[in-house]
Protein backbone atom coordinates (compact mmCIF):
# COMPACT_ATOMS: atom_id res chain seq x y z
CA MET A 1 19.40 11.99 12.88
CA THR A 2 17.52 10.64 16.18
CA SER A 3 15.76 13.46 17.82
CA PRO A 4 17.02 13.81 21.64
CA LEU A 5 13.31 14.10 22.56
CA THR A 6 12.24 10.89 21.16
CA THR A 7 15.20 8.70 22.06
CA PRO A 8 14.31 5.91 24.44
CA ALA A 9 15.05 5.92 28.13
CA SER A 10 18.19 4.54 29.58
CA ASP A 11 16.45 1.40 30.62
CA GLY A 12 15.23 0.74 26.94
CA ARG A 13 11.50 1.80 27.50
CA TRP A 14 9.99 4.39 25.21
CA THR A 15 9.26 7.68 26.45
CA PRO A 16 5.57 9.13 26.32
CA ARG A 17 7.00 11.56 23.54
CA LEU A 18 8.34 8.77 21.63
CA TRP A 19 5.03 6.75 21.91
CA GLY A 20 3.07 9.98 20.95
CA THR A 21 5.15 10.40 17.91
CA LEU A 22 4.49 6.79 16.73
CA LEU A 23 0.78 7.04 17.48
CA VAL A 24 0.59 10.12 15.42
CA LEU A 25 2.05 8.21 12.31
CA CYS A 26 0.10 5.08 12.92
CA ALA A 27 -3.02 7.20 12.68
CA ALA A 28 -2.25 8.66 9.44
CA MET A 29 -1.21 5.03 7.91
CA PHE A 30 -4.39 3.69 9.54
CA LEU A 31 -6.46 6.43 7.81
CA ASP A 32 -4.77 5.89 4.44
CA ALA A 33 -5.35 2.13 4.52
CA LEU A 34 -9.07 2.60 5.99
CA ASP A 35 -9.97 4.93 2.95
CA VAL A 36 -8.70 2.28 0.44
CA SER A 37 -11.09 -0.28 1.66
CA MET A 38 -13.95 1.41 3.41
CA VAL A 39 -15.59 2.71 0.39
CA GLY A 40 -16.19 -0.43 -1.50
CA VAL A 41 -19.14 -1.60 0.45
CA ALA A 42 -20.66 1.65 0.14
CA LEU A 43 -20.64 1.88 -3.51
CA PRO A 44 -24.17 0.78 -4.10
CA SER A 45 -25.64 3.30 -1.72
CA ILE A 46 -23.62 6.14 -3.43
CA GLY A 47 -24.63 5.07 -6.95
CA ALA A 48 -28.46 4.90 -5.74
CA ASP A 49 -28.19 8.37 -3.91
CA LEU A 50 -26.36 10.22 -6.75
CA GLY A 51 -27.73 8.49 -9.74
CA LEU A 52 -24.09 7.20 -10.85
CA SER A 53 -23.51 4.42 -13.31
CA THR A 54 -21.33 1.52 -12.55
CA SER A 55 -18.31 2.82 -14.86
CA THR A 56 -18.58 6.18 -12.84
CA LEU A 57 -18.81 4.38 -9.37
CA GLN A 58 -15.55 2.62 -10.27
CA TRP A 59 -13.78 6.15 -10.41
CA ILE A 60 -14.63 6.73 -6.88
CA VAL A 61 -12.29 3.97 -6.04
CA SER A 62 -9.88 4.54 -8.86
CA GLY A 63 -9.60 8.15 -8.24
CA TYR A 64 -8.13 7.52 -4.87
CA ILE A 65 -5.70 4.88 -6.26
CA LEU A 66 -4.63 7.18 -9.16
CA GLY A 67 -3.69 10.11 -6.76
CA TYR A 68 -2.09 7.73 -4.27
CA GLY A 69 0.07 5.49 -6.68
CA GLY A 70 0.93 8.06 -9.20
CA LEU A 71 2.56 10.70 -6.90
CA LEU A 72 4.23 8.55 -4.33
CA LEU A 73 7.69 8.78 -5.85
CA LEU A 74 7.26 12.31 -5.90
CA GLY A 75 6.01 12.46 -2.21
CA GLY A 76 8.92 10.51 -1.00
CA ARG A 77 11.55 12.58 -2.46
CA THR A 78 9.68 15.85 -1.46
CA ALA A 79 9.90 14.63 2.09
CA ASP A 80 13.59 14.26 1.80
CA LEU A 81 13.95 17.74 0.33
CA LEU A 82 11.56 19.74 2.17
CA GLY A 83 11.48 18.28 5.48
CA ARG A 84 9.54 15.24 6.57
CA ARG A 85 7.60 16.90 9.42
CA GLN A 86 6.54 19.85 7.09
CA VAL A 87 5.39 17.64 4.25
CA PHE A 88 3.73 15.07 6.59
CA LEU A 89 1.66 17.76 8.39
CA VAL A 90 0.52 19.79 5.34
CA ALA A 91 -0.44 16.74 3.45
CA LEU A 92 -2.38 15.44 6.47
CA GLY A 93 -4.43 18.58 6.61
CA VAL A 94 -5.37 18.39 3.07
CA PHE A 95 -6.46 14.74 3.65
CA ALA A 96 -8.80 16.10 6.26
CA LEU A 97 -10.19 18.75 4.31
CA ALA A 98 -10.78 16.38 1.39
CA SER A 99 -12.59 13.80 3.59
CA LEU A 100 -14.93 16.67 4.78
CA LEU A 101 -15.58 17.79 1.33
CA GLY A 102 -16.18 14.19 0.14
CA GLY A 103 -18.86 13.54 2.71
CA LEU A 104 -20.67 16.87 1.73
CA VAL A 105 -20.81 16.93 -2.15
CA ASP A 106 -23.88 16.08 -4.09
CA SER A 107 -22.27 15.07 -7.66
CA GLY A 108 -20.33 12.29 -8.93
CA PRO A 109 -17.65 14.40 -10.47
CA LEU A 110 -16.99 16.30 -7.27
CA LEU A 111 -16.95 13.10 -5.08
CA ILE A 112 -14.27 11.65 -7.58
CA ALA A 113 -12.26 14.97 -7.37
CA SER A 114 -12.19 14.73 -3.48
CA ARG A 115 -11.21 11.16 -3.56
CA PHE A 116 -8.27 12.06 -6.16
CA VAL A 117 -6.98 14.84 -3.68
CA LYS A 118 -7.21 12.26 -0.87
CA GLY A 119 -4.95 9.99 -2.64
CA LEU A 120 -2.57 12.88 -3.58
CA ALA A 121 -2.35 13.69 0.10
CA ALA A 122 -1.86 10.08 1.14
CA ALA A 123 0.93 9.98 -1.49
CA PHE A 124 2.78 12.41 0.57
CA THR A 125 1.81 11.26 4.22
CA ALA A 126 2.84 7.59 3.62
CA PRO A 127 6.45 8.15 2.51
CA ALA A 128 6.92 11.06 4.88
CA GLY A 129 5.57 9.19 7.83
CA LEU A 130 7.56 5.79 7.19
CA SER A 131 10.77 8.00 6.69
CA ILE A 132 9.97 9.88 10.01
CA ILE A 133 10.02 6.58 11.77
CA THR A 134 13.05 5.20 10.19
CA THR A 135 15.02 8.36 10.87
CA THR A 136 13.58 8.70 14.49
CA PHE A 137 14.21 5.17 15.56
CA ALA A 138 17.64 3.72 15.46
CA GLU A 139 18.17 0.85 13.19
CA GLY A 140 17.65 -2.58 15.00
CA PRO A 141 15.27 -3.82 17.47
CA ILE A 142 13.98 -0.39 18.42
CA ARG A 143 13.14 0.51 14.86
CA ASN A 144 11.90 -3.16 14.02
CA ARG A 145 9.42 -2.77 16.79
CA ALA A 146 8.26 0.77 15.65
CA LEU A 147 7.79 -0.48 12.21
CA ALA A 148 6.03 -3.55 13.10
CA ILE A 149 3.30 -1.60 15.15
CA TYR A 150 3.27 1.08 12.27
CA THR A 151 2.45 -1.38 9.44
CA THR A 152 0.21 -3.56 11.34
CA CYS A 153 -1.89 -0.39 12.06
CA GLY A 154 -1.97 -0.16 8.25
CA ALA A 155 -2.96 -3.68 7.56
CA THR A 156 -5.48 -3.21 10.63
CA GLY A 157 -6.86 -0.23 8.96
CA TYR A 158 -7.49 -1.99 5.48
CA SER A 159 -9.16 -4.90 7.28
CA MET A 160 -11.37 -2.84 9.66
CA GLY A 161 -12.27 -0.61 6.80
CA LEU A 162 -14.74 -3.16 5.65
CA VAL A 163 -16.28 -3.50 9.36
CA PHE A 164 -16.58 0.23 9.70
CA SER A 165 -18.17 0.60 6.09
CA GLY A 166 -20.63 -2.21 6.94
CA LEU A 167 -21.61 -0.25 10.11
CA LEU A 168 -21.74 3.11 8.59
CA THR A 169 -23.48 2.64 5.40
CA GLU A 170 -26.45 1.26 7.47
CA ALA A 171 -27.02 4.89 8.47
CA SER A 172 -25.50 6.71 5.48
CA TRP A 173 -22.75 6.49 3.07
CA ARG A 174 -21.71 9.91 3.61
CA LEU A 175 -20.38 8.83 7.02
CA THR A 176 -17.84 6.50 5.46
CA MET A 177 -16.55 9.68 3.83
CA LEU A 178 -16.76 11.93 6.75
CA LEU A 179 -15.20 9.56 9.36
CA PRO A 180 -11.40 10.18 8.48
CA ALA A 181 -11.81 14.06 8.94
CA PRO A 182 -11.92 14.37 12.63
CA VAL A 183 -9.35 11.68 13.14
CA ALA A 184 -7.10 13.24 10.61
CA LEU A 185 -7.68 16.70 12.47
CA ILE A 186 -6.84 15.17 15.95
CA ALA A 187 -3.54 13.55 14.52
CA LEU A 188 -2.72 16.88 12.89
CA LEU A 189 -2.92 18.96 16.10
CA ALA A 190 -0.92 16.19 18.00
CA GLY A 191 1.46 16.05 15.29
CA LEU A 192 2.16 19.92 15.54
CA LYS A 193 3.13 19.09 19.22
CA LEU A 194 4.86 15.93 18.96
CA LEU A 195 6.56 15.09 15.65
CA PRO A 196 10.40 15.91 15.64
CA ARG A 197 11.74 18.73 13.58
CA THR A 198 13.85 17.67 10.68
CA GLU A 199 16.38 19.68 8.61
CA ARG A 200 15.78 20.00 4.79
CA GLU A 201 18.15 18.22 2.56
CA ARG A 202 20.67 20.48 0.84
CA ALA A 203 20.30 19.69 -2.62
CA SER A 204 23.60 20.97 -4.07
CA GLY A 205 22.94 19.48 -7.46
CA GLY A 206 19.54 21.36 -7.80
CA TYR A 207 15.95 19.75 -7.86
CA ASP A 208 15.43 16.82 -10.37
CA ILE A 209 12.53 18.77 -11.99
CA PRO A 210 12.76 16.48 -15.37
CA GLY A 211 12.93 13.24 -13.28
CA ALA A 212 9.89 14.38 -11.20
CA ILE A 213 7.76 15.20 -14.28
CA LEU A 214 8.64 11.91 -15.96
CA GLY A 215 8.26 9.88 -12.93
CA THR A 216 5.08 11.21 -11.87
CA ALA A 217 3.56 10.95 -15.46
CA SER A 218 4.69 7.51 -15.91
CA MET A 219 3.36 6.19 -12.69
CA LEU A 220 0.03 8.32 -13.45
CA LEU A 221 -0.35 6.87 -16.73
CA LEU A 222 0.50 3.18 -15.54
CA VAL A 223 -2.05 3.34 -12.85
CA PHE A 224 -4.63 4.93 -15.25
CA THR A 225 -4.03 2.32 -17.96
CA VAL A 226 -4.36 -0.73 -15.54
CA VAL A 227 -7.57 0.64 -13.99
CA GLU A 228 -9.16 1.38 -17.11
CA ALA A 229 -8.01 -1.84 -19.14
CA PRO A 230 -10.77 -4.16 -17.90
CA GLU A 231 -13.25 -1.56 -19.21
CA VAL A 232 -11.86 -0.61 -22.48
CA GLY A 233 -10.04 -4.00 -23.08
CA TRP A 234 -6.67 -5.33 -22.45
CA GLY A 235 -6.10 -5.92 -26.33
CA SER A 236 -7.65 -2.52 -27.38
CA ALA A 237 -5.52 0.02 -29.27
CA ARG A 238 -5.95 2.45 -26.35
CA THR A 239 -4.52 0.17 -23.74
CA ILE A 240 -1.61 -1.06 -25.97
CA LEU A 241 -0.81 2.51 -26.92
CA SER A 242 -1.17 3.58 -23.16
CA PHE A 243 1.33 0.83 -22.22
CA ALA A 244 3.62 1.74 -24.94
CA ALA A 245 3.71 5.47 -23.73
CA VAL A 246 4.45 4.17 -20.12
CA VAL A 247 7.43 2.30 -21.29
CA VAL A 248 8.64 5.29 -23.17
CA LEU A 249 8.20 7.66 -20.12
CA LEU A 250 9.88 5.08 -17.80
CA THR A 251 12.85 4.72 -20.28
CA ALA A 252 13.17 8.40 -20.36
CA PHE A 253 12.94 8.51 -16.46
CA VAL A 254 15.79 6.05 -16.17
CA ARG A 255 17.94 7.88 -18.32
CA VAL A 256 17.45 11.01 -16.75
CA GLU A 257 17.97 9.39 -13.32
CA ARG A 258 21.22 7.93 -14.13
CA ARG A 259 22.49 11.51 -15.38
CA SER A 260 20.93 13.64 -12.62
CA PRO A 261 23.31 14.81 -9.78
CA SER A 262 20.33 14.66 -7.27
CA PRO A 263 17.88 12.16 -8.71
CA LEU A 264 14.35 11.50 -7.65
CA ILE A 265 15.38 7.99 -7.28
CA ARG A 266 18.82 6.76 -7.02
CA LEU A 267 19.18 3.73 -8.88
CA GLY A 268 21.80 2.25 -7.18
CA VAL A 269 19.47 1.25 -4.34
CA LEU A 270 18.33 -1.46 -6.57
CA ARG A 271 21.46 -3.08 -6.83
CA SER A 272 20.82 -4.72 -3.35
CA GLY A 273 18.83 -8.08 -3.71
CA ALA A 274 17.28 -7.47 -0.47
CA GLN A 275 15.69 -4.22 -1.65
CA VAL A 276 14.51 -5.79 -4.93
CA ARG A 277 12.88 -8.64 -3.05
CA ALA A 278 11.13 -6.15 -0.73
CA GLN A 279 9.78 -4.24 -3.64
CA LEU A 280 8.56 -7.19 -5.42
CA GLY A 281 7.42 -8.93 -2.42
CA ALA A 282 5.27 -5.73 -1.66
CA LEU A 283 3.81 -5.87 -5.22
CA THR A 284 2.76 -9.49 -5.16
CA PHE A 285 1.73 -9.59 -1.48
CA VAL A 286 -0.77 -6.64 -1.69
CA GLY A 287 -1.69 -7.33 -5.16
CA SER A 288 -2.80 -10.97 -4.46
CA TYR A 289 -4.73 -10.03 -1.36
CA ILE A 290 -6.60 -7.09 -2.95
CA GLY A 291 -7.65 -9.33 -5.76
CA PHE A 292 -8.63 -12.07 -3.16
CA GLN A 293 -10.63 -9.45 -1.03
CA PHE A 294 -12.47 -8.44 -4.08
CA LEU A 295 -13.41 -11.84 -5.15
CA VAL A 296 -14.59 -12.88 -1.63
CA THR A 297 -16.73 -9.79 -1.09
CA LEU A 298 -18.46 -10.76 -4.54
CA TYR A 299 -18.82 -14.21 -3.57
CA MET A 300 -20.22 -13.54 -0.03
CA GLN A 301 -22.93 -10.83 -1.23
CA GLN A 302 -23.82 -12.20 -4.75
CA VAL A 303 -23.71 -15.88 -4.37
CA LEU A 304 -24.23 -16.49 -0.56
CA GLY A 305 -26.60 -13.27 -0.29
CA TRP A 306 -24.87 -12.01 2.85
CA SER A 307 -25.32 -8.32 3.84
CA ALA A 308 -22.54 -5.79 3.90
CA LEU A 309 -22.12 -6.13 7.69
CA HIS A 310 -22.16 -9.87 7.60
CA THR A 311 -19.52 -9.83 4.91
CA ALA A 312 -17.61 -7.17 6.85
CA LEU A 313 -17.61 -9.24 9.93
CA ALA A 314 -16.49 -12.40 8.13
CA PHE A 315 -13.16 -10.61 7.44
CA LEU A 316 -12.95 -9.50 10.98
CA PRO A 317 -10.81 -12.47 12.29
CA ALA A 318 -7.98 -11.43 9.89
CA GLY A 319 -7.87 -7.79 11.02
CA ALA A 320 -8.27 -8.74 14.83
CA LEU A 321 -5.29 -11.16 14.46
CA VAL A 322 -3.05 -8.48 12.73
CA ALA A 323 -3.97 -5.93 15.40
CA LEU A 324 -3.21 -8.17 18.24
CA SER A 325 0.17 -9.07 16.83
CA ALA A 326 1.26 -5.30 16.45
CA THR A 327 3.45 -5.09 19.52
CA LYS A 328 4.94 -8.75 19.14
CA VAL A 329 6.20 -8.71 15.62
CA GLY A 330 9.26 -6.44 16.12
CA ALA A 331 10.58 -9.03 18.61
CA ILE A 332 10.05 -11.88 16.14
CA ILE A 333 11.83 -10.09 13.53
CA ASP A 334 14.85 -9.52 15.88
CA ARG A 335 14.90 -13.13 16.56
CA PHE A 336 14.31 -15.00 13.24
CA GLY A 337 15.04 -12.05 10.57
CA THR A 338 12.80 -10.51 7.80
CA ALA A 339 13.81 -13.19 5.12
CA ARG A 340 12.39 -16.03 7.08
CA LEU A 341 9.38 -14.23 8.18
CA ILE A 342 8.43 -13.09 4.64
CA VAL A 343 8.68 -16.74 3.50
CA ILE A 344 6.44 -17.95 6.37
CA GLY A 345 3.98 -15.16 5.55
CA PHE A 346 3.75 -15.78 1.98
CA ALA A 347 3.44 -19.61 2.74
CA SER A 348 0.31 -18.78 5.05
CA LEU A 349 -1.17 -16.58 2.34
CA VAL A 350 -0.67 -19.46 -0.20
CA ILE A 351 -2.25 -22.10 1.96
CA GLY A 352 -5.20 -19.81 2.81
CA TYR A 353 -5.92 -19.22 -0.60
CA VAL A 354 -5.86 -22.93 -1.53
CA LEU A 355 -8.08 -23.82 1.29
CA PHE A 356 -10.58 -21.20 0.09
CA LEU A 357 -11.05 -23.10 -3.30
CA ARG A 358 -13.17 -25.58 -1.50
CA ILE A 359 -16.06 -22.98 -1.24
CA ASP A 360 -19.66 -24.01 -2.11
CA LEU A 361 -23.21 -22.54 -2.33
CA ASP A 362 -23.60 -23.50 1.35
CA PRO A 363 -20.27 -23.21 3.28
CA VAL A 364 -19.91 -23.75 6.78
CA TYR A 365 -18.08 -20.52 8.10
CA ALA A 366 -15.82 -22.16 10.79
CA ALA A 367 -14.80 -25.01 8.71
CA VAL A 368 -14.34 -23.50 5.26
CA ILE A 369 -13.74 -19.60 5.55
CA LEU A 370 -12.45 -19.17 9.01
CA PRO A 371 -9.25 -21.03 8.38
CA THR A 372 -8.55 -18.98 5.30
CA MET A 373 -9.09 -15.58 7.28
CA LEU A 374 -6.74 -16.74 10.18
CA LEU A 375 -4.09 -17.73 7.67
CA VAL A 376 -4.34 -14.44 5.93
CA GLY A 377 -4.01 -12.58 9.37
CA VAL A 378 -0.89 -14.60 9.88
CA GLY A 379 0.37 -13.71 6.47
CA PHE A 380 -0.20 -10.07 6.88
CA ALA A 381 1.04 -9.80 10.52
CA LEU A 382 4.36 -11.35 9.61
CA THR A 383 4.98 -10.35 5.85
CA PHE A 384 3.95 -6.73 5.82
CA PRO A 385 6.20 -5.45 8.75
CA SER A 386 8.99 -7.40 7.57
CA LEU A 387 8.90 -6.13 4.07
CA ASN A 388 9.06 -2.70 5.39
CA VAL A 389 12.10 -3.38 7.63
CA GLN A 390 13.97 -5.08 4.77
CA ALA A 391 13.27 -2.11 2.56
CA THR A 392 14.49 0.50 4.95
CA ASN A 393 17.27 -1.29 6.67
CA GLY A 394 20.69 -0.07 5.44
CA VAL A 395 19.53 3.04 3.70
CA ASP A 396 20.99 6.53 4.56
CA GLU A 397 18.92 8.79 6.37
CA HIS A 398 18.67 11.33 3.52
CA GLU A 399 17.21 8.71 1.28
CA GLN A 400 14.62 7.19 3.59
CA GLY A 401 11.68 9.17 2.01
CA MET A 402 12.82 8.07 -1.24
CA VAL A 403 12.99 4.24 -0.38
CA SER A 404 9.67 4.54 1.41
CA GLY A 405 7.85 6.24 -1.63
CA LEU A 406 9.32 3.46 -3.56
CA LEU A 407 7.94 0.79 -1.42
CA ASN A 408 4.58 2.48 -1.30
CA THR A 409 4.61 2.67 -4.97
CA SER A 410 5.12 -0.89 -5.02
CA VAL A 411 2.15 -1.56 -2.86
CA GLN A 412 -0.24 0.45 -4.86
CA VAL A 413 0.94 -0.43 -8.31
CA GLY A 414 0.62 -3.92 -7.35
CA GLY A 415 -3.01 -3.54 -5.93
CA ALA A 416 -4.16 -1.82 -9.15
CA LEU A 417 -2.44 -3.92 -11.46
CA PHE A 418 -3.29 -7.42 -10.06
CA LEU A 419 -7.03 -6.15 -9.34
CA ALA A 420 -7.25 -5.37 -12.94
CA VAL A 421 -6.05 -8.86 -13.97
CA VAL A 422 -8.30 -10.64 -11.48
CA THR A 423 -11.22 -8.37 -12.72
CA ALA A 424 -10.26 -9.31 -16.26
CA VAL A 425 -10.27 -13.25 -15.56
CA LEU A 426 -13.62 -13.01 -13.78
CA THR A 427 -15.22 -10.99 -16.49
CA ALA A 428 -14.02 -13.43 -19.07
CA ASN A 429 -15.34 -16.42 -17.22
CA SER A 430 -18.69 -14.85 -16.23
CA PRO A 431 -21.80 -16.83 -17.45
CA GLU A 432 -24.59 -15.11 -19.53
CA GLU A 433 -27.62 -13.89 -17.84
CA PRO A 434 -29.72 -15.41 -16.47
CA ALA A 435 -27.24 -17.73 -14.73
CA SER A 436 -27.55 -20.34 -11.92
CA PRO A 437 -25.81 -19.74 -8.79
CA GLN A 438 -23.41 -22.70 -9.34
CA ALA A 439 -22.51 -21.10 -12.77
CA VAL A 440 -21.67 -17.78 -10.98
CA LEU A 441 -19.51 -19.54 -8.41
CA ASP A 442 -17.70 -21.66 -11.19
CA SER A 443 -16.78 -18.38 -12.77
CA TYR A 444 -15.08 -17.05 -9.48
CA LEU A 445 -12.59 -20.09 -9.32
CA PRO A 446 -10.25 -19.27 -12.12
CA ALA A 447 -9.85 -15.70 -10.81
CA LEU A 448 -9.28 -17.33 -7.24
CA VAL A 449 -6.67 -19.61 -9.01
CA VAL A 450 -5.07 -16.43 -10.31
CA THR A 451 -4.66 -14.74 -6.90
CA THR A 452 -3.12 -17.98 -5.66
CA VAL A 453 -0.64 -17.92 -8.46
CA ILE A 454 0.49 -14.31 -7.68
CA ALA A 455 1.01 -15.18 -4.12
CA VAL A 456 3.10 -18.36 -5.16
CA ALA A 457 5.20 -15.95 -7.21
CA GLY A 458 5.86 -13.90 -4.27
CA LEU A 459 6.90 -16.87 -2.27
CA MET A 460 9.19 -17.89 -4.97
CA ILE A 461 10.98 -14.67 -4.69
CA ALA A 462 11.14 -14.50 -0.95
CA LEU A 463 12.70 -18.08 -1.08
CA THR A 464 15.77 -16.66 -2.92
CA GLY A 465 16.30 -14.55 0.14
CA LEU A 466 17.04 -17.48 2.50
CA ARG A 467 19.90 -18.32 0.02
CA THR A 468 21.29 -15.06 0.16
CA ARG A 469 21.02 -14.76 3.97
CA ARG A 470 23.30 -17.56 4.48
CA GLU A 471 26.03 -15.75 2.59
CA GLN A 472 25.19 -12.16 4.22
CA ARG A 473 23.30 -11.79 7.42
CA THR A 474 23.17 -7.97 7.32
CA VAL A 475 21.02 -5.91 4.91
CA VAL A 476 23.41 -3.46 2.97
CA VAL A 477 22.05 -1.09 0.14
CA ALA A 478 24.40 -0.34 -2.79
CA LYS A 479 25.77 3.19 -2.18
CA SER A 480 26.95 5.62 -5.05
CA THR A 481 30.07 7.53 -4.37
CA ILE A 482 30.65 10.72 -6.10
CA LYS A 483 33.37 8.98 -8.37
CA GLU A 484 31.00 6.16 -9.11
CA ALA A 485 28.31 8.47 -10.08
CA GLU A 486 30.82 10.57 -12.37
CA ALA A 487 32.03 7.16 -13.83
CA GLU A 488 28.48 6.17 -14.63
CA ARG A 489 27.84 9.65 -16.47
CA VAL A 490 31.10 9.24 -18.52
CA ALA A 491 30.00 5.78 -19.44
CA LEU A 492 26.76 6.97 -20.72
CA ARG A 493 28.36 9.82 -22.78
CA ASP A 494 30.62 7.31 -24.40
C-alpha cells in the first residue's frame, strides 16, 4: 500500500519525503552495480600487493557474484515476508561493514570472504529496494518515472565503477574497496528516517523452508559451476556433474513450489508472456554487455596499451548518457510502452556491437569506438528501466519482492553465464605465446561475435512482445486463486 507520507502532492509534484525515499534506494542500487564493475581494474594491483595468483584473483570478482546471484530468490521472498524496510536496512548495514573489512584485510581468503558477504547483502538490498519502489509508487506514470531513475542509477553505477576504479587504483586498490562503506552508511542513516514502514506478510501456510533451501542451493551451484567452468573445462566430469546436480535441484525446487501453500516463487507469474520476456530480456541484455565490457577492457589494455584510467574514460560516454536520461525515460515509457522501447534498446545494442567489429590496432576513438559507446548508452537508458517496469507491472503488492528477486536473479545469472561463455570462446581462440598484436586482436573477434549473437537473441525475444501488444495493451500477470492452486495439487497427486 502507498504510504501517506510518500504520496505525491495534489498537483502531481513529488514531496521532499518522496524524493528522499527514492534517493536512498538509488544509492543502494548504485553501490550494488558499482561494486560489480569497480574491482576489475584494481585486480592487478591487488594481486601484486597480496601475492595472489590469477585463479585466486578471479574469486575476488566471482565471490561477489556467487553471493549476489545465489541468494536473490531468497532475498526477494524474505523482503515480502519479514518487511521490506527491515530487510533493506539490515542488509545495507552488512554491506557497509563488509566494505570496510574488504579495504582493511591483508589476505586473499579474507578479501574473498568479505566480497561474498557483500554479494550476500546485495542479494537482499536489491529485491527489497525494488519492491519498496513498486509498493510506494502507484503503478503507472509515477512508478515508471521512479523505476526509470532507479534503474538508470544502477546502470550509471556500473558504468562509473570503471572510472572510479581507474582513478582510485592510481592511489591504492584499498580505496576501491572502502569507497562504498561511507556511502552505504549515509544511505542507512537516511533510510532509517525516510523509508516507509511496511507490514510483514501473514504467511498462513507457513514458510517455504524446503523451497528456500532448494532454491538457494540450486542458484549457488549454478553460479559456482558457470564461474568455474572456463577454469576446469566445460566438458570436464566436474562441470557436467555440477550441471546435472543443478538440474536435479531445480526439478525438485519446481515440484516443491507447485505443492507449497506459500511458495518462494509462485510459478503462476511465469504464465505471463510479458513476465517471461522481461526475465529473458534481462538475462540476455546484461549477459551480452558484461561479456562485451570484459572483451573491450582487455582489448584496450592488452592490445592498445591504454592505462586503466584511459580505458575507464573510454566508457564514460555510455555512463554519462545513461545518467543524463534518468529523469526522462519514465515519460518515454508512458508514451511508447515498454515493448517498443525494449526492442529499440536491443537494436541499439546490436548495432553498437556490430560497429565495434571494425576495430584494428590503431583505431580512431571518435570514429570507431565512440559510436558504439553512445549506442550502448542508448540501449541501457531505454532497455533496463523498461525491463524493470514490465516485470513489476500487474504484480500484487505482496509478491513484488518475489518478482524483484527473480528479475535480479536473471540479471546476475545472465552476467555470470554469458561471461563464462565469452571467456571460453576467447580462451579457445587465443594464440600461443609469443603472439603478434594482430594475432591477439584476431582472437577477440569470435568472442565479440558471440556477444553480438546473444544481443540478437534478446532482440528476437523482444520482438515477440510487439505482436502481443497489439492483442493486449495492458500487462497482466497470471494470478493463482485458492481453487486453482488446490486443483494443481490434486492433479499432481493423480
